[in-house]
Amino acid sequence: MSHPRHQLNDVIHAPVRFSIMATLASCDKAEFAFVRETVEVSDSTLSKQVSQLEAAGYVEVTKGYVGKRPRTWLSISEEGRAAFAEHCAALRAIAANTLGEALP
């Protein structure tokens, strides 16, 4: 049996991308500014990380307007939700292995 670390998703594993996915997994969609503030990163950092998640098919980006102001909304795709769940399961398995116990 292989170590659960082999199940970690390299795209999601980076701390900022993991935080973005966690934020988006808890809602239908979120405004770019909300995610930026929640994850505590700059616009450029969030944009770069979201681009990588979007290229992997994990995040969907929608642009539009509220009144005359441009807005960007982010949402997790079904593929992204599944990948995030698998990544979290791998993290739990690693922790359980280390602690010698089963985690929920």
Protein backbone atom coordinates (compact mmCIF):
# COMPACT_ATOMS: atom_id res chain seq x y z
CA MET A 1 0.00 0.00 0.00
CA SER A 2 1.43 3.39 -0.94
CA HIS A 3 1.70 6.37 1.36
CA PRO A 4 -1.32 8.71 1.20
CA ARG A 5 0.94 11.62 0.19
CA HIS A 6 0.84 10.19 -3.33
CA GLN A 7 -2.86 11.12 -3.41
CA LEU A 8 -2.16 14.82 -2.77
CA ASN A 9 -3.09 17.09 -5.65
CA ASP A 10 -0.07 19.20 -6.68
CA VAL A 11 -2.28 21.96 -8.09
CA ILE A 12 -4.34 22.30 -4.90
CA HIS A 13 -1.51 21.62 -2.42
CA ALA A 14 0.05 25.11 -2.58
CA PRO A 15 -1.15 27.03 0.51
CA VAL A 16 -2.79 29.93 -1.34
CA ARG A 17 -4.52 27.66 -3.86
CA PHE A 18 -5.67 25.35 -1.05
CA SER A 19 -7.11 28.38 0.78
CA ILE A 20 -8.90 29.57 -2.38
CA MET A 21 -10.41 26.13 -2.93
CA ALA A 22 -11.51 25.90 0.72
CA THR A 23 -13.17 29.31 0.47
CA LEU A 24 -14.97 28.44 -2.77
CA ALA A 25 -16.02 24.97 -1.55
CA SER A 26 -18.17 26.64 1.10
CA CYS A 27 -20.31 28.71 -1.30
CA ASP A 28 -21.91 28.73 -4.74
CA LYS A 29 -19.82 31.66 -5.96
CA ALA A 30 -17.82 34.48 -4.42
CA GLU A 31 -16.73 37.88 -5.58
CA PHE A 32 -13.02 38.23 -6.32
CA ALA A 33 -12.61 40.89 -3.60
CA PHE A 34 -14.23 38.63 -0.99
CA VAL A 35 -11.84 35.78 -1.79
CA ARG A 36 -8.87 38.17 -1.81
CA GLU A 37 -9.77 39.47 1.65
CA THR A 38 -10.57 36.01 3.04
CA VAL A 39 -7.32 34.47 1.80
CA GLU A 40 -5.36 37.66 2.64
CA VAL A 41 -3.44 38.07 -0.60
CA SER A 42 -2.94 40.83 -3.16
CA ASP A 43 -5.00 41.15 -6.35
CA SER A 44 -2.07 39.99 -8.47
CA THR A 45 -1.35 36.95 -6.28
CA LEU A 46 -5.00 35.90 -6.29
CA SER A 47 -5.26 36.42 -10.04
CA LYS A 48 -2.17 34.27 -10.70
CA GLN A 49 -3.34 31.46 -8.42
CA VAL A 50 -6.89 31.51 -9.79
CA SER A 51 -5.48 31.29 -13.32
CA GLN A 52 -3.68 28.07 -12.39
CA LEU A 53 -6.82 26.63 -10.78
CA GLU A 54 -8.89 27.67 -13.81
CA ALA A 55 -6.39 26.05 -16.21
CA ALA A 56 -6.75 22.81 -14.23
CA GLY A 57 -10.54 23.03 -14.56
CA TYR A 58 -11.07 23.46 -10.82
CA VAL A 59 -12.33 27.06 -10.74
CA GLU A 60 -14.69 28.95 -13.03
CA VAL A 61 -14.31 32.71 -13.52
CA THR A 62 -17.29 34.85 -14.51
CA LYS A 63 -17.01 38.53 -15.33
CA GLY A 64 -19.85 40.99 -15.33
CA TYR A 65 -21.05 44.32 -14.00
CA VAL A 66 -22.85 45.56 -10.94
CA GLY A 67 -24.23 48.85 -12.17
CA LYS A 68 -21.34 50.34 -14.13
CA ARG A 69 -18.65 48.66 -12.05
CA PRO A 70 -16.90 45.57 -13.41
CA ARG A 71 -16.94 42.52 -11.13
CA THR A 72 -15.36 39.09 -11.19
CA TRP A 73 -16.96 36.07 -9.53
CA LEU A 74 -15.23 32.81 -8.75
CA SER A 75 -16.83 29.41 -8.28
CA ILE A 76 -15.55 25.89 -7.80
CA SER A 77 -16.34 23.47 -10.63
CA GLU A 78 -17.70 19.97 -10.04
CA GLU A 79 -14.27 18.62 -11.01
CA GLY A 80 -12.68 21.06 -8.57
CA ARG A 81 -15.03 20.04 -5.77
CA ALA A 82 -14.15 16.36 -6.30
CA ALA A 83 -10.41 17.09 -6.48
CA PHE A 84 -10.59 19.19 -3.31
CA ALA A 85 -12.46 16.42 -1.46
CA GLU A 86 -9.85 13.85 -2.54
CA HIS A 87 -7.02 16.16 -1.49
CA CYS A 88 -8.60 16.71 1.95
CA ALA A 89 -9.07 12.94 2.33
CA ALA A 90 -5.37 12.44 1.59
CA LEU A 91 -4.44 15.05 4.21
CA ARG A 92 -6.64 13.29 6.77
CA ALA A 93 -5.06 9.94 5.89
CA ILE A 94 -1.56 11.37 6.32
CA ALA A 95 -2.49 12.84 9.70
CA ALA A 96 -4.10 9.58 10.79
CA ASN A 97 -1.01 7.65 9.70
CA THR A 98 1.22 9.96 11.71
CA LEU A 99 -0.99 9.86 14.78
CA GLY A 100 -1.61 6.14 14.45
CA GLU A 101 -5.35 6.61 14.57
CA ALA A 102 -8.32 7.09 12.32
CA LEU A 103 -9.61 10.62 11.78
CA PRO A 104 -13.14 11.47 10.69
